[in-house]
Amino acid sequence: MLSQEVREKLAKEFTKTFDLMTNESDRGSAIVGAAILEDALAVALGKYLIPAPTSQDSLLEGPSASFSMKIDLAYRVGMIRSSVRELLHQVRKVRNEFAHSPSDLSFESQSMSDRVKNLCHLSEDFLDNFVGELQNHQMDIESETSGTNLLRIAGPRTAFDTVISIHRAGLEYLYGEVEPIEPLA
């Protein structure tokens, strides 16, 4: 169980991210949401890994430091569970689909709605910690909810923004929990 202080910090981070996301178009939400999670993951990895020998960390910055690589690295060093790895890869795919689609893509389309349904399912473990915060955002969420209920109640766009906000807050929590590895002597 999380302490009240941690729950308040997570709620604050959730609200900040959720409010930012709701001001975007669908395309903007997909692109900004993925960027938010990618940056948060890079910060968590940076706290864990031995500092780079130069000022630029080519592992976490620059052209070779893709979102996909950061996701897989975080998973392989044990920072995230396989379900979070899968969720982050799905968010990356949503971003790519919006970013590379010349048409006016929407979260209401069947393909995006199906992707969001999958994201909600992958987020079910995290929903319990955020029920109160979701209720504060005028979502009629019951105290015991599921990802399927979130999608049905909120719709695909708001469900996507919620999933991004929950996982951004979760990565913020991870920052405080990560113990850096020690270099070999």
C-alpha atoms as a PDB file:
ATOM      1  CA  MET A   1       0.000   0.000   0.000  1.00  0.00           C
ATOM      2  CA  LEU A   2       1.298   3.461  -0.887  1.00  0.00           C
ATOM      3  CA  SER A   3       1.741   6.133   1.764  1.00  0.00           C
ATOM      4  CA  GLN A   4      -0.524   9.169   1.727  1.00  0.00           C
ATOM      5  CA  GLU A   5       2.436  11.347   0.701  1.00  0.00           C
ATOM      6  CA  VAL A   6       3.235   9.113  -2.284  1.00  0.00           C
ATOM      7  CA  ARG A   7      -0.449   8.937  -3.288  1.00  0.00           C
ATOM      8  CA  GLU A   8      -0.642  12.757  -3.235  1.00  0.00           C
ATOM      9  CA  LYS A   9       2.508  13.042  -5.350  1.00  0.00           C
ATOM     10  CA  LEU A  10       1.140  10.517  -7.852  1.00  0.00           C
ATOM     11  CA  ALA A  11      -2.212  12.331  -7.959  1.00  0.00           C
ATOM     12  CA  LYS A  12      -0.456  15.630  -8.644  1.00  0.00           C
ATOM     13  CA  GLU A  13       1.596  14.114 -11.478  1.00  0.00           C
ATOM     14  CA  PHE A  14      -1.503  12.390 -12.880  1.00  0.00           C
ATOM     15  CA  THR A  15      -3.447  15.673 -12.883  1.00  0.00           C
ATOM     16  CA  LYS A  16      -0.609  17.639 -14.492  1.00  0.00           C
ATOM     17  CA  THR A  17      -0.244  15.120 -17.313  1.00  0.00           C
ATOM     18  CA  PHE A  18      -3.989  14.591 -17.777  1.00  0.00           C
ATOM     19  CA  ASP A  19      -4.620  18.328 -18.028  1.00  0.00           C
ATOM     20  CA  LEU A  20      -1.828  18.691 -20.602  1.00  0.00           C
ATOM     21  CA  MET A  21      -3.164  15.796 -22.676  1.00  0.00           C
ATOM     22  CA  THR A  22      -6.759  17.013 -22.791  1.00  0.00           C
ATOM     23  CA  ASN A  23      -5.655  20.266 -24.460  1.00  0.00           C
ATOM     24  CA  GLU A  24      -4.302  18.383 -27.484  1.00  0.00           C
ATOM     25  CA  SER A  25      -5.944  17.125 -30.675  1.00  0.00           C
ATOM     26  CA  ASP A  26      -6.120  13.343 -31.059  1.00  0.00           C
ATOM     27  CA  ARG A  27      -2.901  13.395 -33.103  1.00  0.00           C
ATOM     28  CA  GLY A  28      -1.262  15.713 -30.577  1.00  0.00           C
ATOM     29  CA  SER A  29      -2.365  13.535 -27.684  1.00  0.00           C
ATOM     30  CA  ALA A  30      -0.806  10.437 -29.259  1.00  0.00           C
ATOM     31  CA  ILE A  31       2.478  12.173 -30.070  1.00  0.00           C
ATOM     32  CA  VAL A  32       2.794  14.197 -26.858  1.00  0.00           C
ATOM     33  CA  GLY A  33       1.655  11.263 -24.707  1.00  0.00           C
ATOM     34  CA  ALA A  34       4.325   8.984 -26.136  1.00  0.00           C
ATOM     35  CA  ALA A  35       6.961  11.723 -25.728  1.00  0.00           C
ATOM     36  CA  ILE A  36       5.969  12.186 -22.083  1.00  0.00           C
ATOM     37  CA  LEU A  37       6.385   8.478 -21.376  1.00  0.00           C
ATOM     38  CA  GLU A  38       9.612   8.248 -23.361  1.00  0.00           C
ATOM     39  CA  ASP A  39      11.135  11.167 -21.436  1.00  0.00           C
ATOM     40  CA  ALA A  40      10.003   9.731 -18.098  1.00  0.00           C
ATOM     41  CA  LEU A  41      11.497   6.361 -18.975  1.00  0.00           C
ATOM     42  CA  ALA A  42      14.791   8.009 -19.990  1.00  0.00           C
ATOM     43  CA  VAL A  43      14.947   9.838 -16.635  1.00  0.00           C
ATOM     44  CA  ALA A  44      14.307   6.592 -14.730  1.00  0.00           C
ATOM     45  CA  LEU A  45      16.979   4.784 -16.748  1.00  0.00           C
ATOM     46  CA  GLY A  46      19.402   7.668 -16.237  1.00  0.00           C
ATOM     47  CA  LYS A  47      18.967   7.369 -12.473  1.00  0.00           C
ATOM     48  CA  TYR A  48      19.662   3.645 -12.610  1.00  0.00           C
ATOM     49  CA  LEU A  49      22.555   3.337 -15.035  1.00  0.00           C
ATOM     50  CA  ILE A  50      26.167   4.213 -14.386  1.00  0.00           C
ATOM     51  CA  PRO A  51      26.690   7.806 -15.614  1.00  0.00           C
ATOM     52  CA  ALA A  52      27.896   8.139 -19.204  1.00  0.00           C
ATOM     53  CA  PRO A  53      31.617   8.854 -19.595  1.00  0.00           C
ATOM     54  CA  THR A  54      30.833  11.907 -21.743  1.00  0.00           C
ATOM     55  CA  SER A  55      28.314  14.722 -21.429  1.00  0.00           C
ATOM     56  CA  GLN A  56      26.072  13.162 -24.095  1.00  0.00           C
ATOM     57  CA  ASP A  57      24.617   9.814 -23.126  1.00  0.00           C
ATOM     58  CA  SER A  58      24.297   8.041 -26.490  1.00  0.00           C
ATOM     59  CA  LEU A  59      22.365   5.253 -24.783  1.00  0.00           C
ATOM     60  CA  LEU A  60      19.563   7.623 -23.715  1.00  0.00           C
ATOM     61  CA  GLU A  61      19.928  10.582 -26.114  1.00  0.00           C
ATOM     62  CA  GLY A  62      20.447  11.042 -29.831  1.00  0.00           C
ATOM     63  CA  PRO A  63      19.489   9.069 -32.910  1.00  0.00           C
ATOM     64  CA  SER A  64      20.315   5.619 -31.542  1.00  0.00           C
ATOM     65  CA  ALA A  65      18.241   6.174 -28.389  1.00  0.00           C
ATOM     66  CA  SER A  66      14.805   5.207 -29.704  1.00  0.00           C
ATOM     67  CA  PHE A  67      11.720   4.820 -27.554  1.00  0.00           C
ATOM     68  CA  SER A  68      11.704   1.123 -28.446  1.00  0.00           C
ATOM     69  CA  MET A  69      15.290   0.683 -27.281  1.00  0.00           C
ATOM     70  CA  LYS A  70      14.578   2.485 -23.977  1.00  0.00           C
ATOM     71  CA  ILE A  71      11.543   0.285 -23.359  1.00  0.00           C
ATOM     72  CA  ASP A  72      13.472  -2.909 -23.981  1.00  0.00           C
ATOM     73  CA  LEU A  73      16.444  -1.734 -21.926  1.00  0.00           C
ATOM     74  CA  ALA A  74      14.203  -0.853 -18.954  1.00  0.00           C
ATOM     75  CA  TYR A  75      12.602  -4.285 -19.176  1.00  0.00           C
ATOM     76  CA  ARG A  76      15.883  -6.175 -19.520  1.00  0.00           C
ATOM     77  CA  VAL A  77      17.440  -4.504 -16.487  1.00  0.00           C
ATOM     78  CA  GLY A  78      14.324  -5.303 -14.456  1.00  0.00           C
ATOM     79  CA  MET A  79      12.920  -1.780 -14.051  1.00  0.00           C
ATOM     80  CA  ILE A  80       9.521  -2.525 -15.608  1.00  0.00           C
ATOM     81  CA  ARG A  81       7.258  -5.571 -15.823  1.00  0.00           C
ATOM     82  CA  SER A  82       6.473  -7.314 -19.087  1.00  0.00           C
ATOM     83  CA  SER A  83       2.937  -5.831 -19.059  1.00  0.00           C
ATOM     84  CA  VAL A  84       4.381  -2.296 -18.827  1.00  0.00           C
ATOM     85  CA  ARG A  85       6.846  -3.149 -21.590  1.00  0.00           C
ATOM     86  CA  GLU A  86       3.955  -4.275 -23.788  1.00  0.00           C
ATOM     87  CA  LEU A  87       1.918  -1.181 -22.899  1.00  0.00           C
ATOM     88  CA  LEU A  88       4.786   1.188 -23.750  1.00  0.00           C
ATOM     89  CA  HIS A  89       5.331  -0.564 -27.083  1.00  0.00           C
ATOM     90  CA  GLN A  90       1.612  -0.194 -27.820  1.00  0.00           C
ATOM     91  CA  VAL A  91       1.776   3.541 -26.991  1.00  0.00           C
ATOM     92  CA  ARG A  92       4.766   3.807 -29.335  1.00  0.00           C
ATOM     93  CA  LYS A  93       2.759   2.124 -32.104  1.00  0.00           C
ATOM     94  CA  VAL A  94      -0.182   4.485 -31.541  1.00  0.00           C
ATOM     95  CA  ARG A  95       2.208   7.441 -31.781  1.00  0.00           C
ATOM     96  CA  ASN A  96       3.740   6.108 -34.974  1.00  0.00           C
ATOM     97  CA  GLU A  97       0.365   5.472 -36.557  1.00  0.00           C
ATOM     98  CA  PHE A  98      -0.812   9.020 -35.815  1.00  0.00           C
ATOM     99  CA  ALA A  99       2.518  10.600 -36.757  1.00  0.00           C
ATOM    100  CA  HIS A 100       2.784   8.827 -40.104  1.00  0.00           C
ATOM    101  CA  SER A 101      -0.851   8.892 -41.175  1.00  0.00           C
ATOM    102  CA  PRO A 102      -1.636  11.543 -43.783  1.00  0.00           C
ATOM    103  CA  SER A 103      -5.355  11.093 -43.120  1.00  0.00           C
ATOM    104  CA  ASP A 104      -7.327  12.602 -40.267  1.00  0.00           C
ATOM    105  CA  LEU A 105      -6.982   9.695 -37.821  1.00  0.00           C
ATOM    106  CA  SER A 106      -9.069   9.660 -34.653  1.00  0.00           C
ATOM    107  CA  PHE A 107      -9.240   7.654 -31.439  1.00  0.00           C
ATOM    108  CA  GLU A 108     -12.854   6.960 -32.423  1.00  0.00           C
ATOM    109  CA  SER A 109     -11.710   4.844 -35.406  1.00  0.00           C
ATOM    110  CA  GLN A 110     -12.061   1.101 -34.866  1.00  0.00           C
ATOM    111  CA  SER A 111      -8.313   0.413 -35.100  1.00  0.00           C
ATOM    112  CA  MET A 112      -7.454   3.089 -32.517  1.00  0.00           C
ATOM    113  CA  SER A 113     -10.335   2.150 -30.247  1.00  0.00           C
ATOM    114  CA  ASP A 114      -9.064  -1.457 -30.304  1.00  0.00           C
ATOM    115  CA  ARG A 115      -5.541  -0.291 -29.432  1.00  0.00           C
ATOM    116  CA  VAL A 116      -6.867   1.813 -26.553  1.00  0.00           C
ATOM    117  CA  LYS A 117      -8.892  -1.170 -25.329  1.00  0.00           C
ATOM    118  CA  ASN A 118      -5.653  -3.162 -25.204  1.00  0.00           C
ATOM    119  CA  LEU A 119      -3.887  -0.304 -23.366  1.00  0.00           C
ATOM    120  CA  CYS A 120      -6.718  -0.192 -20.811  1.00  0.00           C
ATOM    121  CA  HIS A 121      -6.464  -3.932 -20.292  1.00  0.00           C
ATOM    122  CA  LEU A 122      -2.695  -3.673 -19.756  1.00  0.00           C
ATOM    123  CA  SER A 123      -3.299  -0.855 -17.218  1.00  0.00           C
ATOM    124  CA  GLU A 124      -5.793  -2.651 -14.995  1.00  0.00           C
ATOM    125  CA  ASP A 125      -3.245  -3.239 -12.206  1.00  0.00           C
ATOM    126  CA  PHE A 126      -2.659   0.513 -11.967  1.00  0.00           C
ATOM    127  CA  LEU A 127      -6.266   1.724 -12.036  1.00  0.00           C
ATOM    128  CA  ASP A 128      -6.986   1.079  -8.346  1.00  0.00           C
ATOM    129  CA  ASN A 129      -4.401   3.665  -7.280  1.00  0.00           C
ATOM    130  CA  PHE A 130      -6.077   6.336  -9.396  1.00  0.00           C
ATOM    131  CA  VAL A 131      -9.818   5.817  -8.894  1.00  0.00           C
ATOM    132  CA  GLY A 132     -10.106   8.905  -6.667  1.00  0.00           C
ATOM    133  CA  GLU A 133      -8.192  11.039  -9.143  1.00  0.00           C
ATOM    134  CA  LEU A 134     -10.376   9.831 -12.000  1.00  0.00           C
ATOM    135  CA  GLN A 135     -13.463  10.729  -9.991  1.00  0.00           C
ATOM    136  CA  ASN A 136     -11.986  14.218  -9.427  1.00  0.00           C
ATOM    137  CA  HIS A 137     -11.914  14.588 -13.234  1.00  0.00           C
ATOM    138  CA  GLN A 138     -15.676  14.004 -13.381  1.00  0.00           C
ATOM    139  CA  MET A 139     -15.330  10.424 -14.597  1.00  0.00           C
ATOM    140  CA  ASP A 140     -18.060   8.204 -13.243  1.00  0.00           C
ATOM    141  CA  ILE A 141     -15.611   5.506 -12.179  1.00  0.00           C
ATOM    142  CA  GLU A 142     -16.669   2.974  -9.595  1.00  0.00           C
ATOM    143  CA  SER A 143     -14.324   2.147  -6.737  1.00  0.00           C
ATOM    144  CA  GLU A 144     -13.615  -1.199  -8.378  1.00  0.00           C
ATOM    145  CA  THR A 145     -13.151  -0.683 -12.079  1.00  0.00           C
ATOM    146  CA  SER A 146     -11.448  -2.380 -14.976  1.00  0.00           C
ATOM    147  CA  GLY A 147      -9.830  -1.212 -18.159  1.00  0.00           C
ATOM    148  CA  THR A 148     -12.903  -2.265 -20.105  1.00  0.00           C
ATOM    149  CA  ASN A 149     -15.113  -0.134 -17.858  1.00  0.00           C
ATOM    150  CA  LEU A 150     -12.754   2.820 -18.269  1.00  0.00           C
ATOM    151  CA  LEU A 151     -13.036   2.618 -22.044  1.00  0.00           C
ATOM    152  CA  ARG A 152     -16.831   2.257 -21.909  1.00  0.00           C
ATOM    153  CA  ILE A 153     -17.293   5.105 -19.419  1.00  0.00           C
ATOM    154  CA  ALA A 154     -14.720   7.582 -20.711  1.00  0.00           C
ATOM    155  CA  GLY A 155     -14.466   6.776 -24.431  1.00  0.00           C
ATOM    156  CA  PRO A 156     -11.248   5.951 -26.304  1.00  0.00           C
ATOM    157  CA  ARG A 157      -9.641   9.414 -26.296  1.00  0.00           C
ATOM    158  CA  THR A 158     -10.122  10.098 -22.579  1.00  0.00           C
ATOM    159  CA  ALA A 159      -9.168   6.505 -21.785  1.00  0.00           C
ATOM    160  CA  PHE A 160      -5.914   7.001 -23.745  1.00  0.00           C
ATOM    161  CA  ASP A 161      -5.157  10.250 -21.886  1.00  0.00           C
ATOM    162  CA  THR A 162      -5.904   8.467 -18.608  1.00  0.00           C
ATOM    163  CA  VAL A 163      -3.593   5.545 -19.394  1.00  0.00           C
ATOM    164  CA  ILE A 164      -0.769   7.916 -20.345  1.00  0.00           C
ATOM    165  CA  SER A 165      -1.303   9.970 -17.169  1.00  0.00           C
ATOM    166  CA  ILE A 166      -1.392   6.892 -14.926  1.00  0.00           C
ATOM    167  CA  HIS A 167       1.822   5.514 -16.371  1.00  0.00           C
ATOM    168  CA  ARG A 168       3.563   8.895 -16.292  1.00  0.00           C
ATOM    169  CA  ALA A 169       2.762   9.080 -12.583  1.00  0.00           C
ATOM    170  CA  GLY A 170       3.951   5.494 -12.157  1.00  0.00           C
ATOM    171  CA  LEU A 171       7.264   6.293 -13.802  1.00  0.00           C
ATOM    172  CA  GLU A 172       7.568   9.323 -11.508  1.00  0.00           C
ATOM    173  CA  TYR A 173       7.161   6.948  -8.557  1.00  0.00           C
ATOM    174  CA  LEU A 174       9.816   4.695 -10.053  1.00  0.00           C
ATOM    175  CA  TYR A 175      12.321   7.587 -10.002  1.00  0.00           C
ATOM    176  CA  GLY A 176      12.263   7.599  -6.222  1.00  0.00           C
ATOM    177  CA  GLU A 177      12.527   3.833  -5.959  1.00  0.00           C
ATOM    178  CA  VAL A 178      15.431   3.271  -8.352  1.00  0.00           C
ATOM    179  CA  GLU A 179      18.781   2.518  -6.771  1.00  0.00           C
ATOM    180  CA  PRO A 180      21.665   3.278  -9.131  1.00  0.00           C
ATOM    181  CA  ILE A 181      23.921   0.400  -9.996  1.00  0.00           C
ATOM    182  CA  GLU A 182      27.507   0.656  -8.843  1.00  0.00           C
ATOM    183  CA  PRO A 183      30.341   0.488 -11.364  1.00  0.00           C
ATOM    184  CA  LEU A 184      32.811  -2.340 -11.035  1.00  0.00           C
ATOM    185  CA  ALA A 185      36.068  -1.304  -9.470  1.00  0.00           C
END
